Amino acid sequence: MSTTDLSGATWRKSSRSNGQASCVEVADLDTGHHAVRDSKNRTGPALIIPSTQWATFTTALGTDEL
């Protein structure tokens, strides 16, 4: 299992989170991939998603396919 260094990642929440702590945060990585984590557990695990799968996921969200 490989690990990705996320120490320099810039995390963001959806503008719809309204400052709540119970959100998902996303970071764009230098590799073109994306990282997703639970904002309540910032030192916990993160899910790394390849860019092609991220594009498919975000497109599906925008078209209510999920």
PDB file of N, CA and C in Angstrom:
ATOM      1  N   MET A   1       0.852  -1.178   0.000  1.00  0.00           N
ATOM      2  CA  MET A   1       0.000   0.000   0.000  1.00  0.00           C
ATOM      3  C   MET A   1       0.896   1.238   0.000  1.00  0.00           C
ATOM      4  N   SER A   2       0.625   2.159  -0.903  1.00  0.00           N
ATOM      5  CA  SER A   2       1.387   3.402  -0.953  1.00  0.00           C
ATOM      6  C   SER A   2       0.655   4.482  -0.162  1.00  0.00           C
ATOM      7  N   THR A   3       1.407   5.489   0.233  1.00  0.00           N
ATOM      8  CA  THR A   3       0.803   6.605   0.948  1.00  0.00           C
ATOM      9  C   THR A   3       1.065   7.885   0.171  1.00  0.00           C
ATOM     10  N   THR A   4       0.192   8.831   0.327  1.00  0.00           N
ATOM     11  CA  THR A   4       0.307  10.125  -0.319  1.00  0.00           C
ATOM     12  C   THR A   4       0.523  11.174   0.755  1.00  0.00           C
ATOM     13  N   ASP A   5       1.523  12.020   0.584  1.00  0.00           N
ATOM     14  CA  ASP A   5       1.798  13.089   1.540  1.00  0.00           C
ATOM     15  C   ASP A   5       0.767  14.198   1.349  1.00  0.00           C
ATOM     16  N   LEU A   6      -0.048  14.408   2.358  1.00  0.00           N
ATOM     17  CA  LEU A   6      -1.105  15.419   2.282  1.00  0.00           C
ATOM     18  C   LEU A   6      -0.790  16.635   3.164  1.00  0.00           C
ATOM     19  N   SER A   7       0.438  16.701   3.675  1.00  0.00           N
ATOM     20  CA  SER A   7       0.787  17.778   4.606  1.00  0.00           C
ATOM     21  C   SER A   7       0.707  19.167   3.963  1.00  0.00           C
ATOM     22  N   GLY A   8       0.904  19.269   2.669  1.00  0.00           N
ATOM     23  CA  GLY A   8       0.835  20.568   2.001  1.00  0.00           C
ATOM     24  C   GLY A   8      -0.473  20.801   1.259  1.00  0.00           C
ATOM     25  N   ALA A   9      -1.419  19.901   1.436  1.00  0.00           N
ATOM     26  CA  ALA A   9      -2.695  20.004   0.710  1.00  0.00           C
ATOM     27  C   ALA A   9      -3.513  21.189   1.220  1.00  0.00           C
ATOM     28  N   THR A  10      -4.206  21.834   0.302  1.00  0.00           N
ATOM     29  CA  THR A  10      -5.122  22.916   0.653  1.00  0.00           C
ATOM     30  C   THR A  10      -6.539  22.352   0.586  1.00  0.00           C
ATOM     31  N   TRP A  11      -7.153  22.239   1.748  1.00  0.00           N
ATOM     32  CA  TRP A  11      -8.475  21.624   1.849  1.00  0.00           C
ATOM     33  C   TRP A  11      -9.564  22.678   1.739  1.00  0.00           C
ATOM     34  N   ARG A  12     -10.703  22.269   1.175  1.00  0.00           N
ATOM     35  CA  ARG A  12     -11.849  23.182   1.063  1.00  0.00           C
ATOM     36  C   ARG A  12     -13.145  22.407   1.298  1.00  0.00           C
ATOM     37  N   LYS A  13     -14.148  23.137   1.762  1.00  0.00           N
ATOM     38  CA  LYS A  13     -15.493  22.587   1.955  1.00  0.00           C
ATOM     39  C   LYS A  13     -16.416  23.224   0.928  1.00  0.00           C
ATOM     40  N   SER A  14     -17.537  22.605   0.735  1.00  0.00           N
ATOM     41  CA  SER A  14     -18.552  23.176  -0.137  1.00  0.00           C
ATOM     42  C   SER A  14     -19.031  24.513   0.429  1.00  0.00           C
ATOM     43  N   SER A  15     -19.358  25.422  -0.460  1.00  0.00           N
ATOM     44  CA  SER A  15     -19.920  26.696  -0.011  1.00  0.00           C
ATOM     45  C   SER A  15     -21.284  26.485   0.648  1.00  0.00           C
ATOM     46  N   ARG A  16     -21.889  25.345   0.419  1.00  0.00           N
ATOM     47  CA  ARG A  16     -23.188  25.032   1.013  1.00  0.00           C
ATOM     48  C   ARG A  16     -23.074  24.475   2.426  1.00  0.00           C
ATOM     49  N   SER A  17     -21.857  24.310   2.928  1.00  0.00           N
ATOM     50  CA  SER A  17     -21.685  23.767   4.278  1.00  0.00           C
ATOM     51  C   SER A  17     -22.056  24.773   5.355  1.00  0.00           C
ATOM     52  N   ASN A  18     -22.109  26.062   5.009  1.00  0.00           N
ATOM     53  CA  ASN A  18     -22.491  27.130   5.939  1.00  0.00           C
ATOM     54  C   ASN A  18     -21.663  27.116   7.215  1.00  0.00           C
ATOM     55  N   GLY A  19     -20.380  26.760   7.106  1.00  0.00           N
ATOM     56  CA  GLY A  19     -19.491  26.790   8.254  1.00  0.00           C
ATOM     57  C   GLY A  19     -19.672  25.646   9.229  1.00  0.00           C
ATOM     58  N   GLN A  20     -20.479  24.670   8.902  1.00  0.00           N
ATOM     59  CA  GLN A  20     -20.686  23.528   9.790  1.00  0.00           C
ATOM     60  C   GLN A  20     -19.426  22.680   9.868  1.00  0.00           C
ATOM     61  N   ALA A  21     -19.258  21.974  10.974  1.00  0.00           N
ATOM     62  CA  ALA A  21     -18.074  21.133  11.171  1.00  0.00           C
ATOM     63  C   ALA A  21     -18.259  19.728  10.592  1.00  0.00           C
ATOM     64  N   SER A  22     -19.475  19.315  10.363  1.00  0.00           N
ATOM     65  CA  SER A  22     -19.752  17.957   9.889  1.00  0.00           C
ATOM     66  C   SER A  22     -19.841  17.923   8.371  1.00  0.00           C
ATOM     67  N   CYS A  23     -18.693  18.057   7.731  1.00  0.00           N
ATOM     68  CA  CYS A  23     -18.670  18.143   6.281  1.00  0.00           C
ATOM     69  C   CYS A  23     -17.553  17.271   5.705  1.00  0.00           C
ATOM     70  N   VAL A  24     -17.580  17.156   4.426  1.00  0.00           N
ATOM     71  CA  VAL A  24     -16.504  16.508   3.690  1.00  0.00           C
ATOM     72  C   VAL A  24     -15.636  17.611   3.111  1.00  0.00           C
ATOM     73  N   GLU A  25     -14.320  17.433   3.189  1.00  0.00           N
ATOM     74  CA  GLU A  25     -13.389  18.388   2.617  1.00  0.00           C
ATOM     75  C   GLU A  25     -12.662  17.739   1.443  1.00  0.00           C
ATOM     76  N   VAL A  26     -12.305  18.550   0.465  1.00  0.00           N
ATOM     77  CA  VAL A  26     -11.627  18.074  -0.743  1.00  0.00           C
ATOM     78  C   VAL A  26     -10.350  18.880  -0.942  1.00  0.00           C
ATOM     79  N   ALA A  27      -9.313  18.203  -1.432  1.00  0.00           N
ATOM     80  CA  ALA A  27      -8.061  18.877  -1.791  1.00  0.00           C
ATOM     81  C   ALA A  27      -7.655  18.429  -3.183  1.00  0.00           C
ATOM     82  N   ASP A  28      -7.221  19.385  -4.011  1.00  0.00           N
ATOM     83  CA  ASP A  28      -6.660  19.073  -5.328  1.00  0.00           C
ATOM     84  C   ASP A  28      -5.181  18.775  -5.120  1.00  0.00           C
ATOM     85  N   LEU A  29      -4.720  17.633  -5.591  1.00  0.00           N
ATOM     86  CA  LEU A  29      -3.332  17.236  -5.390  1.00  0.00           C
ATOM     87  C   LEU A  29      -2.488  17.560  -6.615  1.00  0.00           C
ATOM     88  N   ASP A  30      -1.190  17.699  -6.410  1.00  0.00           N
ATOM     89  CA  ASP A  30      -0.260  18.001  -7.500  1.00  0.00           C
ATOM     90  C   ASP A  30      -0.277  16.933  -8.586  1.00  0.00           C
ATOM     91  N   THR A  31      -0.659  15.729  -8.231  1.00  0.00           N
ATOM     92  CA  THR A  31      -0.692  14.614  -9.183  1.00  0.00           C
ATOM     93  C   THR A  31      -1.888  14.681 -10.124  1.00  0.00           C
ATOM     94  N   GLY A  32      -2.825  15.602  -9.861  1.00  0.00           N
ATOM     95  CA  GLY A  32      -4.060  15.671 -10.626  1.00  0.00           C
ATOM     96  C   GLY A  32      -5.187  14.907  -9.951  1.00  0.00           C
ATOM     97  N   HIS A  33      -4.835  14.123  -8.936  1.00  0.00           N
ATOM     98  CA  HIS A  33      -5.845  13.386  -8.178  1.00  0.00           C
ATOM     99  C   HIS A  33      -6.490  14.329  -7.162  1.00  0.00           C
ATOM    100  N   HIS A  34      -7.478  13.803  -6.458  1.00  0.00           N
ATOM    101  CA  HIS A  34      -8.166  14.567  -5.420  1.00  0.00           C
ATOM    102  C   HIS A  34      -8.190  13.744  -4.147  1.00  0.00           C
ATOM    103  N   ALA A  35      -8.164  14.428  -3.009  1.00  0.00           N
ATOM    104  CA  ALA A  35      -8.257  13.763  -1.713  1.00  0.00           C
ATOM    105  C   ALA A  35      -9.535  14.232  -1.038  1.00  0.00           C
ATOM    106  N   VAL A  36     -10.190  13.305  -0.348  1.00  0.00           N
ATOM    107  CA  VAL A  36     -11.434  13.600   0.361  1.00  0.00           C
ATOM    108  C   VAL A  36     -11.273  13.121   1.802  1.00  0.00           C
ATOM    109  N   ARG A  37     -11.698  13.949   2.745  1.00  0.00           N
ATOM    110  CA  ARG A  37     -11.622  13.561   4.162  1.00  0.00           C
ATOM    111  C   ARG A  37     -12.822  14.090   4.926  1.00  0.00           C
ATOM    112  N   ASP A  38     -13.004  13.567   6.119  1.00  0.00           N
ATOM    113  CA  ASP A  38     -14.055  14.002   7.039  1.00  0.00           C
ATOM    114  C   ASP A  38     -13.530  15.210   7.805  1.00  0.00           C
ATOM    115  N   SER A  39     -14.235  16.311   7.768  1.00  0.00           N
ATOM    116  CA  SER A  39     -13.761  17.529   8.428  1.00  0.00           C
ATOM    117  C   SER A  39     -13.707  17.390   9.945  1.00  0.00           C
ATOM    118  N   LYS A  40     -14.418  16.438  10.511  1.00  0.00           N
ATOM    119  CA  LYS A  40     -14.380  16.220  11.956  1.00  0.00           C
ATOM    120  C   LYS A  40     -13.131  15.456  12.376  1.00  0.00           C
ATOM    121  N   ASN A  41     -12.445  14.837  11.419  1.00  0.00           N
ATOM    122  CA  ASN A  41     -11.275  14.020  11.733  1.00  0.00           C
ATOM    123  C   ASN A  41     -10.148  14.377  10.766  1.00  0.00           C
ATOM    124  N   ARG A  42      -9.620  15.562  10.904  1.00  0.00           N
ATOM    125  CA  ARG A  42      -8.636  16.083   9.940  1.00  0.00           C
ATOM    126  C   ARG A  42      -7.319  15.328   9.941  1.00  0.00           C
ATOM    127  N   THR A  43      -7.018  14.622  10.989  1.00  0.00           N
ATOM    128  CA  THR A  43      -5.789  13.824  11.005  1.00  0.00           C
ATOM    129  C   THR A  43      -6.062  12.367  10.647  1.00  0.00           C
ATOM    130  N   GLY A  44      -7.310  12.054  10.363  1.00  0.00           N
ATOM    131  CA  GLY A  44      -7.689  10.688  10.010  1.00  0.00           C
ATOM    132  C   GLY A  44      -7.388  10.380   8.554  1.00  0.00           C
ATOM    133  N   PRO A  45      -7.913   9.266   8.079  1.00  0.00           N
ATOM    134  CA  PRO A  45      -7.627   8.837   6.710  1.00  0.00           C
ATOM    135  C   PRO A  45      -8.291   9.733   5.661  1.00  0.00           C
ATOM    136  N   ALA A  46      -7.719   9.698   4.484  1.00  0.00           N
ATOM    137  CA  ALA A  46      -8.278  10.421   3.339  1.00  0.00           C
ATOM    138  C   ALA A  46      -8.395   9.446   2.185  1.00  0.00           C
ATOM    139  N   LEU A  47      -9.397   9.625   1.398  1.00  0.00           N
ATOM    140  CA  LEU A  47      -9.618   8.823   0.206  1.00  0.00           C
ATOM    141  C   LEU A  47      -9.002   9.560  -0.978  1.00  0.00           C
ATOM    142  N   ILE A  48      -8.116   8.900  -1.715  1.00  0.00           N
ATOM    143  CA  ILE A  48      -7.477   9.498  -2.886  1.00  0.00           C
ATOM    144  C   ILE A  48      -8.220   9.009  -4.124  1.00  0.00           C
ATOM    145  N   ILE A  49      -8.683   9.941  -4.950  1.00  0.00           N
ATOM    146  CA  ILE A  49      -9.494   9.611  -6.119  1.00  0.00           C
ATOM    147  C   ILE A  49      -8.769  10.094  -7.376  1.00  0.00           C
ATOM    148  N   PRO A  50      -8.507   9.180  -8.316  1.00  0.00           N
ATOM    149  CA  PRO A  50      -7.865   9.575  -9.579  1.00  0.00           C
ATOM    150  C   PRO A  50      -8.715  10.607 -10.328  1.00  0.00           C
ATOM    151  N   SER A  51      -8.052  11.449 -11.109  1.00  0.00           N
ATOM    152  CA  SER A  51      -8.735  12.565 -11.777  1.00  0.00           C
ATOM    153  C   SER A  51      -9.860  12.116 -12.710  1.00  0.00           C
ATOM    154  N   THR A  52      -9.681  11.019 -13.428  1.00  0.00           N
ATOM    155  CA  THR A  52     -10.749  10.570 -14.340  1.00  0.00           C
ATOM    156  C   THR A  52     -11.985  10.123 -13.573  1.00  0.00           C
ATOM    157  N   GLN A  53     -11.784   9.456 -12.449  1.00  0.00           N
ATOM    158  CA  GLN A  53     -12.926   9.026 -11.641  1.00  0.00           C
ATOM    159  C   GLN A  53     -13.583  10.219 -10.945  1.00  0.00           C
ATOM    160  N   TRP A  54     -12.775  11.210 -10.568  1.00  0.00           N
ATOM    161  CA  TRP A  54     -13.322  12.425  -9.951  1.00  0.00           C
ATOM    162  C   TRP A  54     -14.230  13.150 -10.947  1.00  0.00           C
ATOM    163  N   ALA A  55     -13.791  13.247 -12.189  1.00  0.00           N
ATOM    164  CA  ALA A  55     -14.590  13.912 -13.220  1.00  0.00           C
ATOM    165  C   ALA A  55     -15.913  13.181 -13.427  1.00  0.00           C
ATOM    166  N   THR A  56     -15.880  11.872 -13.461  1.00  0.00           N
ATOM    167  CA  THR A  56     -17.106  11.080 -13.618  1.00  0.00           C
ATOM    168  C   THR A  56     -18.042  11.309 -12.435  1.00  0.00           C
ATOM    169  N   PHE A  57     -17.491  11.305 -11.222  1.00  0.00           N
ATOM    170  CA  PHE A  57     -18.268  11.510 -10.011  1.00  0.00           C
ATOM    171  C   PHE A  57     -18.926  12.885  -9.978  1.00  0.00           C
ATOM    172  N   THR A  58     -18.145  13.937 -10.226  1.00  0.00           N
ATOM    173  CA  THR A  58     -18.698  15.287 -10.156  1.00  0.00           C
ATOM    174  C   THR A  58     -19.701  15.554 -11.274  1.00  0.00           C
ATOM    175  N   THR A  59     -19.493  14.956 -12.436  1.00  0.00           N
ATOM    176  CA  THR A  59     -20.481  15.075 -13.518  1.00  0.00           C
ATOM    177  C   THR A  59     -21.789  14.407 -13.110  1.00  0.00           C
ATOM    178  N   ALA A  60     -21.689  13.232 -12.502  1.00  0.00           N
ATOM    179  CA  ALA A  60     -22.890  12.515 -12.063  1.00  0.00           C
ATOM    180  C   ALA A  60     -23.649  13.320 -11.004  1.00  0.00           C
ATOM    181  N   LEU A  61     -22.929  13.985 -10.112  1.00  0.00           N
ATOM    182  CA  LEU A  61     -23.590  14.819  -9.105  1.00  0.00           C
ATOM    183  C   LEU A  61     -24.368  15.951  -9.754  1.00  0.00           C
ATOM    184  N   GLY A  62     -23.781  16.552 -10.777  1.00  0.00           N
ATOM    185  CA  GLY A  62     -24.423  17.673 -11.449  1.00  0.00           C
ATOM    186  C   GLY A  62     -25.634  17.308 -12.274  1.00  0.00           C
ATOM    187  N   THR A  63     -25.738  16.037 -12.618  1.00  0.00           N
ATOM    188  CA  THR A  63     -26.867  15.606 -13.443  1.00  0.00           C
ATOM    189  C   THR A  63     -27.842  14.723 -12.677  1.00  0.00           C
ATOM    190  N   ASP A  64     -27.693  14.657 -11.358  1.00  0.00           N
ATOM    191  CA  ASP A  64     -28.552  13.853 -10.484  1.00  0.00           C
ATOM    192  C   ASP A  64     -28.547  12.373 -10.850  1.00  0.00           C
ATOM    193  N   GLU A  65     -27.426  11.860 -11.370  1.00  0.00           N
ATOM    194  CA  GLU A  65     -27.328  10.449 -11.700  1.00  0.00           C
ATOM    195  C   GLU A  65     -27.075   9.581 -10.475  1.00  0.00           C
ATOM    196  N   LEU A  66     -26.740  10.187  -9.356  1.00  0.00           N
ATOM    197  CA  LEU A  66     -26.473   9.405  -8.146  1.00  0.00           C
ATOM    198  C   LEU A  66     -27.678   9.356  -7.256  1.00  0.00           C
TER     199      LEU A  66
END
